Amino acid sequence: MGIRIGVDGGGSKTEVVALDSTGKILCSQLNPSSNYHVVGRTQAVNNIVNGIRDALKEGSLEGIGISLAGIDTAEDWNIMANGLRDELLKLEEVRGLSFRDIPIVMENDAFGALMSVRGRFFGNVLAVGTGTVALGVNDEGKVFRIGGWGHLIGDQGSGYDIGRKALAAMVASCDGYGPKSILESIVSNHLQLKQVREIVDWLNQAERTNKDIAALVPIVVEAARNQDAVAEAIFAQAGRDLGLVTRALLRKTQGIDLGLVGGITHIWEFIEPTFLLTIYEEFSNLQLLQPSYQPSVGAALLSEISQVRHIEI
């Protein structure tokens, strides 16, 4: 039986699936992070290859699609491609198989997100998690990417952006140069701070990551549900920012639909009004789509696409 393997790798986990020819999931495995910026190349590659090794038990391999967070530049791609090539060659020897005529593709996780919407390399997707990126493919097969610039100069409307603004609102409320907000108390309690000023120590801990900041989004949701004006304003701005990212993409692709993938679904009720208002100023006929598949399945389907980058074994 022929199978395709999909790898969806992020900053906290890596999901690996094997699909049969009908698209049925034969097996699914969760491994630790495969974002090499988070865990280093060696660990990232091992977490991917371990999943591939186990998935190979399901049948004869027809393709591997790898969709990874952290693959944002040509250097990123080369670093991971070289590491994966070396480990897959070792796997060839151990398992007595050959990857040489098998399509093995690798792209940023936005590509797997796009494929998860309809199972086709076409259309538009807005992927919002710790970061923000929008990806689209037009009628001619041309690929456009908006965002994905990282938290220092981009990622507007993302989980990190919302969490950072919650922390900024907390200290502004504490010092009095901003409006009073219940974020001051509930963020402090959540992080077990005895006083607000301890946030400096919390932020400067060596193990602190962007995901820790993004993990504050549920706290902002709690504040918004309690009608905290500051929390509501944070979500309203996130909606506007994500709307602007989407508009920039739609201008390039001339698309009329958009798939929503990632954590955006968990905050949709709070950002929907400003997001749609911003979109409809320019694209009043936009259709919103929910993904048809999970991202790891989208990654597996990506192995059938010729326009993406292939790892030559």
C-alpha atoms as a PDB file:
ATOM      1  CA  MET A   1       0.000   0.000   0.000  1.00  0.00           C
ATOM      2  CA  GLY A   2       1.356   3.403  -0.963  1.00  0.00           C
ATOM      3  CA  ILE A   3       1.583   6.077   1.729  1.00  0.00           C
ATOM      4  CA  ARG A   4       2.428   9.743   2.017  1.00  0.00           C
ATOM      5  CA  ILE A   5       3.976  11.075   5.198  1.00  0.00           C
ATOM      6  CA  GLY A   6       3.219  14.548   6.516  1.00  0.00           C
ATOM      7  CA  VAL A   7       5.243  16.437   9.121  1.00  0.00           C
ATOM      8  CA  ASP A   8       3.844  19.560  10.780  1.00  0.00           C
ATOM      9  CA  GLY A   9       6.576  20.990  12.984  1.00  0.00           C
ATOM     10  CA  GLY A  10       6.255  23.895  15.382  1.00  0.00           C
ATOM     11  CA  GLY A  11       7.866  25.450  18.402  1.00  0.00           C
ATOM     12  CA  SER A  12       6.219  23.124  20.910  1.00  0.00           C
ATOM     13  CA  LYS A  13       5.442  19.899  19.045  1.00  0.00           C
ATOM     14  CA  THR A  14       5.856  17.934  15.826  1.00  0.00           C
ATOM     15  CA  GLU A  15       2.981  15.898  14.416  1.00  0.00           C
ATOM     16  CA  VAL A  16       3.745  13.161  11.894  1.00  0.00           C
ATOM     17  CA  VAL A  17       1.016  11.308   9.988  1.00  0.00           C
ATOM     18  CA  ALA A  18       0.906   8.637   7.299  1.00  0.00           C
ATOM     19  CA  LEU A  19      -1.915   8.751   4.729  1.00  0.00           C
ATOM     20  CA  ASP A  20      -3.091   6.039   2.385  1.00  0.00           C
ATOM     21  CA  SER A  21      -4.108   6.746  -1.223  1.00  0.00           C
ATOM     22  CA  THR A  22      -7.605   7.792  -0.138  1.00  0.00           C
ATOM     23  CA  GLY A  23      -6.296  10.323   2.384  1.00  0.00           C
ATOM     24  CA  LYS A  24      -7.144   8.193   5.394  1.00  0.00           C
ATOM     25  CA  ILE A  25      -4.819   8.693   8.379  1.00  0.00           C
ATOM     26  CA  LEU A  26      -3.126   5.377   9.097  1.00  0.00           C
ATOM     27  CA  CYS A  27      -1.049   6.567  12.025  1.00  0.00           C
ATOM     28  CA  SER A  28      -0.303   9.753  13.918  1.00  0.00           C
ATOM     29  CA  GLN A  29       2.576  10.551  16.247  1.00  0.00           C
ATOM     30  CA  LEU A  30       3.445  13.546  18.403  1.00  0.00           C
ATOM     31  CA  ASN A  31       7.106  14.397  19.007  1.00  0.00           C
ATOM     32  CA  PRO A  32       8.776  17.440  20.604  1.00  0.00           C
ATOM     33  CA  SER A  33       9.523  20.662  18.722  1.00  0.00           C
ATOM     34  CA  SER A  34      11.188  20.672  15.308  1.00  0.00           C
ATOM     35  CA  ASN A  35      11.769  24.415  15.096  1.00  0.00           C
ATOM     36  CA  TYR A  36      15.565  24.504  15.010  1.00  0.00           C
ATOM     37  CA  HIS A  37      15.600  28.062  16.354  1.00  0.00           C
ATOM     38  CA  VAL A  38      14.028  26.649  19.526  1.00  0.00           C
ATOM     39  CA  VAL A  39      15.715  23.262  20.025  1.00  0.00           C
ATOM     40  CA  GLY A  40      18.722  23.375  17.680  1.00  0.00           C
ATOM     41  CA  ARG A  41      19.156  21.598  14.353  1.00  0.00           C
ATOM     42  CA  THR A  42      20.228  18.214  15.706  1.00  0.00           C
ATOM     43  CA  GLN A  43      17.203  17.813  17.969  1.00  0.00           C
ATOM     44  CA  ALA A  44      14.825  19.260  15.386  1.00  0.00           C
ATOM     45  CA  VAL A  45      16.026  16.818  12.715  1.00  0.00           C
ATOM     46  CA  ASN A  46      15.865  13.869  15.120  1.00  0.00           C
ATOM     47  CA  ASN A  47      12.283  14.683  16.109  1.00  0.00           C
ATOM     48  CA  ILE A  48      11.276  14.700  12.439  1.00  0.00           C
ATOM     49  CA  VAL A  49      13.192  11.609  11.353  1.00  0.00           C
ATOM     50  CA  ASN A  50      12.021   9.571  14.353  1.00  0.00           C
ATOM     51  CA  GLY A  51       8.455  10.218  13.289  1.00  0.00           C
ATOM     52  CA  ILE A  52       9.191   9.362   9.662  1.00  0.00           C
ATOM     53  CA  ARG A  53      10.899   6.111  10.719  1.00  0.00           C
ATOM     54  CA  ASP A  54       7.820   4.961  12.602  1.00  0.00           C
ATOM     55  CA  ALA A  55       5.410   6.051   9.854  1.00  0.00           C
ATOM     56  CA  LEU A  56       7.311   4.011   7.245  1.00  0.00           C
ATOM     57  CA  LYS A  57       5.916   0.866   8.861  1.00  0.00           C
ATOM     58  CA  GLU A  58       2.513   1.657   7.341  1.00  0.00           C
ATOM     59  CA  GLY A  59       3.404   0.912   3.700  1.00  0.00           C
ATOM     60  CA  SER A  60       5.412   1.757   0.597  1.00  0.00           C
ATOM     61  CA  LEU A  61       6.506   5.376   0.596  1.00  0.00           C
ATOM     62  CA  GLU A  62       5.263   7.680  -2.176  1.00  0.00           C
ATOM     63  CA  GLY A  63       6.208  11.066  -0.735  1.00  0.00           C
ATOM     64  CA  ILE A  64       7.106  13.119   2.332  1.00  0.00           C
ATOM     65  CA  GLY A  65       5.861  16.640   2.974  1.00  0.00           C
ATOM     66  CA  ILE A  66       7.530  18.632   5.750  1.00  0.00           C
ATOM     67  CA  SER A  67       5.993  21.898   6.905  1.00  0.00           C
ATOM     68  CA  LEU A  68       8.055  23.667   9.578  1.00  0.00           C
ATOM     69  CA  ALA A  69       7.908  26.787  11.672  1.00  0.00           C
ATOM     70  CA  GLY A  70      11.200  28.691  11.523  1.00  0.00           C
ATOM     71  CA  ILE A  71      11.874  28.069   7.815  1.00  0.00           C
ATOM     72  CA  ASP A  72      11.740  31.730   6.833  1.00  0.00           C
ATOM     73  CA  THR A  73      14.929  32.332   4.830  1.00  0.00           C
ATOM     74  CA  ALA A  74      17.029  30.462   2.287  1.00  0.00           C
ATOM     75  CA  GLU A  75      19.603  29.877   5.025  1.00  0.00           C
ATOM     76  CA  ASP A  76      16.952  28.351   7.298  1.00  0.00           C
ATOM     77  CA  TRP A  77      15.901  26.001   4.507  1.00  0.00           C
ATOM     78  CA  ASN A  78      19.459  24.930   3.728  1.00  0.00           C
ATOM     79  CA  ILE A  79      20.318  24.307   7.376  1.00  0.00           C
ATOM     80  CA  MET A  80      17.368  21.971   7.865  1.00  0.00           C
ATOM     81  CA  ALA A  81      17.573  20.382   4.416  1.00  0.00           C
ATOM     82  CA  ASN A  82      21.223  19.444   4.921  1.00  0.00           C
ATOM     83  CA  GLY A  83      20.508  17.976   8.352  1.00  0.00           C
ATOM     84  CA  LEU A  84      17.528  15.986   7.110  1.00  0.00           C
ATOM     85  CA  ARG A  85      19.416  14.723   4.060  1.00  0.00           C
ATOM     86  CA  ASP A  86      22.189  13.331   6.258  1.00  0.00           C
ATOM     87  CA  GLU A  87      19.787  11.545   8.609  1.00  0.00           C
ATOM     88  CA  LEU A  88      17.599  10.188   5.825  1.00  0.00           C
ATOM     89  CA  LEU A  89      20.684   8.718   4.144  1.00  0.00           C
ATOM     90  CA  LYS A  90      21.470   6.921   7.411  1.00  0.00           C
ATOM     91  CA  LEU A  91      17.869   5.713   7.567  1.00  0.00           C
ATOM     92  CA  GLU A  92      18.236   4.342   4.041  1.00  0.00           C
ATOM     93  CA  GLU A  93      21.124   2.142   5.164  1.00  0.00           C
ATOM     94  CA  VAL A  94      19.386   0.909   8.308  1.00  0.00           C
ATOM     95  CA  ARG A  95      16.042   0.154   6.651  1.00  0.00           C
ATOM     96  CA  GLY A  96      17.426  -1.025   3.306  1.00  0.00           C
ATOM     97  CA  LEU A  97      15.330   1.399   1.269  1.00  0.00           C
ATOM     98  CA  SER A  98      15.925   4.296  -1.113  1.00  0.00           C
ATOM     99  CA  PHE A  99      14.547   7.837  -0.996  1.00  0.00           C
ATOM    100  CA  ARG A 100      16.138   8.824  -4.317  1.00  0.00           C
ATOM    101  CA  ASP A 101      13.004   8.685  -6.457  1.00  0.00           C
ATOM    102  CA  ILE A 102      10.660   9.795  -3.681  1.00  0.00           C
ATOM    103  CA  PRO A 103       9.520  13.442  -3.569  1.00  0.00           C
ATOM    104  CA  ILE A 104      10.622  14.942  -0.243  1.00  0.00           C
ATOM    105  CA  VAL A 105       9.503  18.544   0.082  1.00  0.00           C
ATOM    106  CA  MET A 106      10.011  21.088   2.852  1.00  0.00           C
ATOM    107  CA  GLU A 107       8.550  24.541   3.319  1.00  0.00           C
ATOM    108  CA  ASN A 108       7.438  26.967   5.997  1.00  0.00           C
ATOM    109  CA  ASP A 109       4.445  25.819   8.035  1.00  0.00           C
ATOM    110  CA  ALA A 110       2.227  28.311   6.214  1.00  0.00           C
ATOM    111  CA  PHE A 111       2.385  25.999   3.177  1.00  0.00           C
ATOM    112  CA  GLY A 112       0.956  23.104   5.163  1.00  0.00           C
ATOM    113  CA  ALA A 113      -1.698  25.474   6.504  1.00  0.00           C
ATOM    114  CA  LEU A 114      -2.644  26.467   2.937  1.00  0.00           C
ATOM    115  CA  MET A 115      -2.969  22.834   1.875  1.00  0.00           C
ATOM    116  CA  SER A 116      -5.080  22.099   4.962  1.00  0.00           C
ATOM    117  CA  VAL A 117      -7.804  24.494   3.810  1.00  0.00           C
ATOM    118  CA  ARG A 118      -8.900  22.681   0.638  1.00  0.00           C
ATOM    119  CA  GLY A 119      -6.203  20.119  -0.013  1.00  0.00           C
ATOM    120  CA  ARG A 120      -5.128  22.189  -3.022  1.00  0.00           C
ATOM    121  CA  PHE A 121      -2.152  24.425  -3.741  1.00  0.00           C
ATOM    122  CA  PHE A 122      -4.402  27.393  -4.397  1.00  0.00           C
ATOM    123  CA  GLY A 123      -6.204  30.154  -2.516  1.00  0.00           C
ATOM    124  CA  ASN A 124      -5.309  32.131   0.580  1.00  0.00           C
ATOM    125  CA  VAL A 125      -4.666  31.346   4.224  1.00  0.00           C
ATOM    126  CA  LEU A 126      -4.097  33.458   7.318  1.00  0.00           C
ATOM    127  CA  ALA A 127      -2.163  31.468   9.908  1.00  0.00           C
ATOM    128  CA  VAL A 128      -2.093  33.015  13.370  1.00  0.00           C
ATOM    129  CA  GLY A 129      -0.392  31.413  16.335  1.00  0.00           C
ATOM    130  CA  THR A 130       2.600  32.691  18.255  1.00  0.00           C
ATOM    131  CA  GLY A 131       3.377  34.583  15.025  1.00  0.00           C
ATOM    132  CA  THR A 132       1.417  35.788  12.007  1.00  0.00           C
ATOM    133  CA  VAL A 133       1.828  34.895   8.344  1.00  0.00           C
ATOM    134  CA  ALA A 134      -0.473  34.967   5.323  1.00  0.00           C
ATOM    135  CA  LEU A 135       0.144  32.868   2.207  1.00  0.00           C
ATOM    136  CA  GLY A 136      -1.622  32.793  -1.126  1.00  0.00           C
ATOM    137  CA  VAL A 137      -1.372  31.163  -4.531  1.00  0.00           C
ATOM    138  CA  ASN A 138      -3.082  32.859  -7.471  1.00  0.00           C
ATOM    139  CA  ASP A 139      -4.679  31.425 -10.618  1.00  0.00           C
ATOM    140  CA  GLU A 140      -1.285  31.245 -12.328  1.00  0.00           C
ATOM    141  CA  GLY A 141       0.317  29.287  -9.485  1.00  0.00           C
ATOM    142  CA  LYS A 142       2.377  32.232  -8.241  1.00  0.00           C
ATOM    143  CA  VAL A 143       3.062  32.198  -4.498  1.00  0.00           C
ATOM    144  CA  PHE A 144       2.754  35.305  -2.322  1.00  0.00           C
ATOM    145  CA  ARG A 145       3.654  35.629   1.332  1.00  0.00           C
ATOM    146  CA  ILE A 146       2.769  38.490   3.666  1.00  0.00           C
ATOM    147  CA  GLY A 147       4.086  38.795   7.206  1.00  0.00           C
ATOM    148  CA  GLY A 148       6.184  36.224   8.985  1.00  0.00           C
ATOM    149  CA  TRP A 149       8.776  38.863   9.835  1.00  0.00           C
ATOM    150  CA  GLY A 150       9.183  37.814  13.440  1.00  0.00           C
ATOM    151  CA  HIS A 151       8.202  39.428  16.719  1.00  0.00           C
ATOM    152  CA  LEU A 152      10.702  42.307  16.606  1.00  0.00           C
ATOM    153  CA  ILE A 153       9.357  43.941  13.437  1.00  0.00           C
ATOM    154  CA  GLY A 154       6.179  42.031  12.600  1.00  0.00           C
ATOM    155  CA  ASP A 155       3.778  39.334  13.843  1.00  0.00           C
ATOM    156  CA  GLN A 156       1.044  41.918  14.342  1.00  0.00           C
ATOM    157  CA  GLY A 157      -2.182  40.456  15.682  1.00  0.00           C
ATOM    158  CA  SER A 158      -0.412  37.272  16.777  1.00  0.00           C
ATOM    159  CA  GLY A 159      -0.546  35.524  20.120  1.00  0.00           C
ATOM    160  CA  TYR A 160       2.817  37.037  20.994  1.00  0.00           C
ATOM    161  CA  ASP A 161       1.620  40.521  20.027  1.00  0.00           C
ATOM    162  CA  ILE A 162      -1.514  40.209  22.150  1.00  0.00           C
ATOM    163  CA  GLY A 163       0.434  38.816  25.103  1.00  0.00           C
ATOM    164  CA  ARG A 164       3.067  41.552  24.893  1.00  0.00           C
ATOM    165  CA  LYS A 165       0.386  44.240  24.829  1.00  0.00           C
ATOM    166  CA  ALA A 166      -1.241  42.664  27.874  1.00  0.00           C
ATOM    167  CA  LEU A 167       2.044  42.942  29.760  1.00  0.00           C
ATOM    168  CA  ALA A 168       2.469  46.534  28.592  1.00  0.00           C
ATOM    169  CA  ALA A 169      -1.070  47.313  29.738  1.00  0.00           C
ATOM    170  CA  MET A 170      -0.358  45.703  33.107  1.00  0.00           C
ATOM    171  CA  VAL A 171       2.620  47.932  33.847  1.00  0.00           C
ATOM    172  CA  ALA A 172       0.882  51.029  32.428  1.00  0.00           C
ATOM    173  CA  SER A 173      -2.045  50.384  34.752  1.00  0.00           C
ATOM    174  CA  CYS A 174       0.324  49.873  37.675  1.00  0.00           C
ATOM    175  CA  ASP A 175       2.324  53.050  37.074  1.00  0.00           C
ATOM    176  CA  GLY A 176      -0.682  55.153  36.161  1.00  0.00           C
ATOM    177  CA  TYR A 177       0.419  56.373  32.755  1.00  0.00           C
ATOM    178  CA  GLY A 178      -2.213  54.161  31.149  1.00  0.00           C
ATOM    179  CA  PRO A 179      -5.836  53.358  31.923  1.00  0.00           C
ATOM    180  CA  LYS A 180      -6.641  51.152  34.894  1.00  0.00           C
ATOM    181  CA  SER A 181      -7.147  47.545  33.807  1.00  0.00           C
ATOM    182  CA  ILE A 182      -7.905  44.259  35.535  1.00  0.00           C
ATOM    183  CA  LEU A 183      -5.018  42.892  33.480  1.00  0.00           C
ATOM    184  CA  GLU A 184      -2.812  44.341  36.220  1.00  0.00           C
ATOM    185  CA  SER A 185      -4.184  41.914  38.786  1.00  0.00           C
ATOM    186  CA  ILE A 186      -5.083  38.830  36.742  1.00  0.00           C
ATOM    187  CA  VAL A 187      -1.797  38.710  34.803  1.00  0.00           C
ATOM    188  CA  SER A 188       0.133  39.164  38.060  1.00  0.00           C
ATOM    189  CA  ASN A 189      -1.852  36.375  39.700  1.00  0.00           C
ATOM    190  CA  HIS A 190      -1.467  34.084  36.706  1.00  0.00           C
ATOM    191  CA  LEU A 191       2.324  34.538  36.680  1.00  0.00           C
ATOM    192  CA  GLN A 192       2.465  34.331  40.490  1.00  0.00           C
ATOM    193  CA  LEU A 193       4.075  37.742  40.836  1.00  0.00           C
ATOM    194  CA  LYS A 194       4.075  39.213  44.326  1.00  0.00           C
ATOM    195  CA  GLN A 195       4.254  42.656  42.764  1.00  0.00           C
ATOM    196  CA  VAL A 196       4.061  43.919  39.187  1.00  0.00           C
ATOM    197  CA  ARG A 197       7.717  44.933  39.091  1.00  0.00           C
ATOM    198  CA  GLU A 198       8.712  41.261  39.299  1.00  0.00           C
ATOM    199  CA  ILE A 199       7.649  40.978  35.646  1.00  0.00           C
ATOM    200  CA  VAL A 200      11.151  42.182  34.728  1.00  0.00           C
ATOM    201  CA  ASP A 201      12.704  39.116  36.362  1.00  0.00           C
ATOM    202  CA  TRP A 202      10.103  36.844  34.763  1.00  0.00           C
ATOM    203  CA  LEU A 203      10.839  38.226  31.289  1.00  0.00           C
ATOM    204  CA  ASN A 204      14.593  37.964  31.710  1.00  0.00           C
ATOM    205  CA  GLN A 205      14.694  34.308  32.730  1.00  0.00           C
ATOM    206  CA  ALA A 206      16.964  32.374  30.387  1.00  0.00           C
ATOM    207  CA  GLU A 207      14.314  29.839  29.404  1.00  0.00           C
ATOM    208  CA  ARG A 208      11.692  32.478  28.540  1.00  0.00           C
ATOM    209  CA  THR A 209      10.312  32.131  25.001  1.00  0.00           C
ATOM    210  CA  ASN A 210       7.848  33.924  22.739  1.00  0.00           C
ATOM    211  CA  LYS A 211       5.391  31.118  23.392  1.00  0.00           C
ATOM    212  CA  ASP A 212       5.338  32.062  27.070  1.00  0.00           C
ATOM    213  CA  ILE A 213       4.192  35.546  26.068  1.00  0.00           C
ATOM    214  CA  ALA A 214       1.630  34.169  23.624  1.00  0.00           C
ATOM    215  CA  ALA A 215       0.323  31.868  26.371  1.00  0.00           C
ATOM    216  CA  LEU A 216      -1.137  34.967  28.059  1.00  0.00           C
ATOM    217  CA  VAL A 217      -3.881  35.257  25.412  1.00  0.00           C
ATOM    218  CA  PRO A 218      -6.442  33.303  27.524  1.00  0.00           C
ATOM    219  CA  ILE A 219      -5.862  35.831  30.309  1.00  0.00           C
ATOM    220  CA  VAL A 220      -6.703  38.664  27.910  1.00  0.00           C
ATOM    221  CA  VAL A 221      -9.817  36.698  26.894  1.00  0.00           C
ATOM    222  CA  GLU A 222     -10.820  36.491  30.571  1.00  0.00           C
ATOM    223  CA  ALA A 223     -10.392  40.249  30.937  1.00  0.00           C
ATOM    224  CA  ALA A 224     -12.387  40.939  27.781  1.00  0.00           C
ATOM    225  CA  ARG A 225     -15.210  38.677  28.969  1.00  0.00           C
ATOM    226  CA  ASN A 226     -15.286  40.875  32.076  1.00  0.00           C
ATOM    227  CA  GLN A 227     -15.683  43.908  29.787  1.00  0.00           C
ATOM    228  CA  ASP A 228     -12.239  45.311  30.532  1.00  0.00           C
ATOM    229  CA  ALA A 229     -11.874  48.165  28.050  1.00  0.00           C
ATOM    230  CA  VAL A 230      -8.109  47.731  27.702  1.00  0.00           C
ATOM    231  CA  ALA A 231      -8.390  44.033  26.862  1.00  0.00           C
ATOM    232  CA  GLU A 232     -11.182  44.772  24.388  1.00  0.00           C
ATOM    233  CA  ALA A 233      -9.006  47.413  22.748  1.00  0.00           C
ATOM    234  CA  ILE A 234      -6.098  44.946  22.422  1.00  0.00           C
ATOM    235  CA  PHE A 235      -8.327  42.503  20.552  1.00  0.00           C
ATOM    236  CA  ALA A 236      -9.849  45.250  18.427  1.00  0.00           C
ATOM    237  CA  GLN A 237      -6.387  46.339  17.302  1.00  0.00           C
ATOM    238  CA  ALA A 238      -5.409  42.735  16.619  1.00  0.00           C
ATOM    239  CA  GLY A 239      -8.440  42.407  14.350  1.00  0.00           C
ATOM    240  CA  ARG A 240      -7.488  45.551  12.434  1.00  0.00           C
ATOM    241  CA  ASP A 241      -3.875  44.445  12.095  1.00  0.00           C
ATOM    242  CA  LEU A 242      -4.803  40.989  10.819  1.00  0.00           C
ATOM    243  CA  GLY A 243      -7.266  42.591   8.432  1.00  0.00           C
ATOM    244  CA  LEU A 244      -4.513  44.765   6.968  1.00  0.00           C
ATOM    245  CA  VAL A 245      -2.230  41.739   6.515  1.00  0.00           C
ATOM    246  CA  THR A 246      -5.053  39.919   4.742  1.00  0.00           C
ATOM    247  CA  ARG A 247      -5.848  42.875   2.497  1.00  0.00           C
ATOM    248  CA  ALA A 248      -2.221  43.079   1.420  1.00  0.00           C
ATOM    249  CA  LEU A 249      -2.321  39.404   0.430  1.00  0.00           C
ATOM    250  CA  LEU A 250      -5.633  39.639  -1.429  1.00  0.00           C
ATOM    251  CA  ARG A 251      -4.364  42.566  -3.498  1.00  0.00           C
ATOM    252  CA  LYS A 252      -1.604  40.318  -4.794  1.00  0.00           C
ATOM    253  CA  THR A 253      -3.579  37.121  -5.357  1.00  0.00           C
ATOM    254  CA  GLN A 254      -6.882  38.746  -6.359  1.00  0.00           C
ATOM    255  CA  GLY A 255      -8.495  36.002  -4.309  1.00  0.00           C
ATOM    256  CA  ILE A 256     -12.059  35.963  -2.989  1.00  0.00           C
ATOM    257  CA  ASP A 257     -11.669  33.480  -0.145  1.00  0.00           C
ATOM    258  CA  LEU A 258      -9.516  33.068   2.945  1.00  0.00           C
ATOM    259  CA  GLY A 259      -8.811  30.089   5.179  1.00  0.00           C
ATOM    260  CA  LEU A 260      -8.312  30.777   8.882  1.00  0.00           C
ATOM    261  CA  VAL A 261      -5.810  28.492  10.604  1.00  0.00           C
ATOM    262  CA  GLY A 262      -4.307  28.367  14.087  1.00  0.00           C
ATOM    263  CA  GLY A 263      -5.105  30.148  17.307  1.00  0.00           C
ATOM    264  CA  ILE A 264      -7.164  32.824  15.556  1.00  0.00           C
ATOM    265  CA  THR A 265     -10.179  30.560  15.947  1.00  0.00           C
ATOM    266  CA  HIS A 266      -9.924  30.785  19.746  1.00  0.00           C
ATOM    267  CA  ILE A 267     -10.177  34.598  19.782  1.00  0.00           C
ATOM    268  CA  TRP A 268     -12.462  35.006  16.780  1.00  0.00           C
ATOM    269  CA  GLU A 269     -15.423  36.392  18.736  1.00  0.00           C
ATOM    270  CA  PHE A 270     -13.255  39.273  19.962  1.00  0.00           C
ATOM    271  CA  ILE A 271     -11.453  40.186  16.737  1.00  0.00           C
ATOM    272  CA  GLU A 272     -14.182  39.418  14.203  1.00  0.00           C
ATOM    273  CA  PRO A 273     -15.832  42.887  14.147  1.00  0.00           C
ATOM    274  CA  THR A 274     -12.691  44.911  13.441  1.00  0.00           C
ATOM    275  CA  PHE A 275     -11.167  42.198  11.237  1.00  0.00           C
ATOM    276  CA  LEU A 276     -14.192  42.049   8.942  1.00  0.00           C
ATOM    277  CA  LEU A 277     -14.673  45.824   8.961  1.00  0.00           C
ATOM    278  CA  THR A 278     -11.064  46.265   7.818  1.00  0.00           C
ATOM    279  CA  ILE A 279     -11.406  43.568   5.131  1.00  0.00           C
ATOM    280  CA  TYR A 280     -14.749  44.784   3.782  1.00  0.00           C
ATOM    281  CA  GLU A 281     -13.402  48.282   3.229  1.00  0.00           C
ATOM    282  CA  GLU A 282     -11.642  46.814   0.195  1.00  0.00           C
ATOM    283  CA  PHE A 283     -12.926  43.247  -0.319  1.00  0.00           C
ATOM    284  CA  SER A 284     -16.631  43.162   0.462  1.00  0.00           C
ATOM    285  CA  ASN A 285     -17.211  39.757  -1.144  1.00  0.00           C
ATOM    286  CA  LEU A 286     -14.584  37.813   0.793  1.00  0.00           C
ATOM    287  CA  GLN A 287     -15.585  34.281   1.787  1.00  0.00           C
ATOM    288  CA  LEU A 288     -14.098  32.823   4.978  1.00  0.00           C
ATOM    289  CA  LEU A 289     -13.222  29.106   5.011  1.00  0.00           C
ATOM    290  CA  GLN A 290     -12.518  26.635   7.782  1.00  0.00           C
ATOM    291  CA  PRO A 291      -9.744  24.074   7.163  1.00  0.00           C
ATOM    292  CA  SER A 292     -10.814  20.738   5.714  1.00  0.00           C
ATOM    293  CA  TYR A 293      -7.776  18.929   7.132  1.00  0.00           C
ATOM    294  CA  GLN A 294      -5.375  19.147  10.035  1.00  0.00           C
ATOM    295  CA  PRO A 295      -2.007  20.807   9.231  1.00  0.00           C
ATOM    296  CA  SER A 296      -0.042  17.530   9.234  1.00  0.00           C
ATOM    297  CA  VAL A 297      -2.377  16.159   6.551  1.00  0.00           C
ATOM    298  CA  GLY A 298      -1.861  19.390   4.622  1.00  0.00           C
ATOM    299  CA  ALA A 299       1.883  18.763   4.863  1.00  0.00           C
ATOM    300  CA  ALA A 300       1.471  15.239   3.466  1.00  0.00           C
ATOM    301  CA  LEU A 301      -0.553  16.594   0.532  1.00  0.00           C
ATOM    302  CA  LEU A 302       2.210  19.147  -0.070  1.00  0.00           C
ATOM    303  CA  SER A 303       4.454  16.275  -1.208  1.00  0.00           C
ATOM    304  CA  GLU A 304       2.401  16.128  -4.427  1.00  0.00           C
ATOM    305  CA  ILE A 305       3.182  19.749  -5.363  1.00  0.00           C
ATOM    306  CA  SER A 306       5.956  20.529  -7.847  1.00  0.00           C
ATOM    307  CA  GLN A 307       6.212  24.298  -7.159  1.00  0.00           C
ATOM    308  CA  VAL A 308       7.696  23.833  -3.679  1.00  0.00           C
ATOM    309  CA  ARG A 309      11.294  23.112  -2.678  1.00  0.00           C
ATOM    310  CA  HIS A 310      12.484  19.515  -2.805  1.00  0.00           C
ATOM    311  CA  ILE A 311      15.252  17.916  -0.750  1.00  0.00           C
ATOM    312  CA  GLU A 312      17.404  15.875  -3.107  1.00  0.00           C
ATOM    313  CA  ILE A 313      18.704  12.659  -1.552  1.00  0.00           C
END
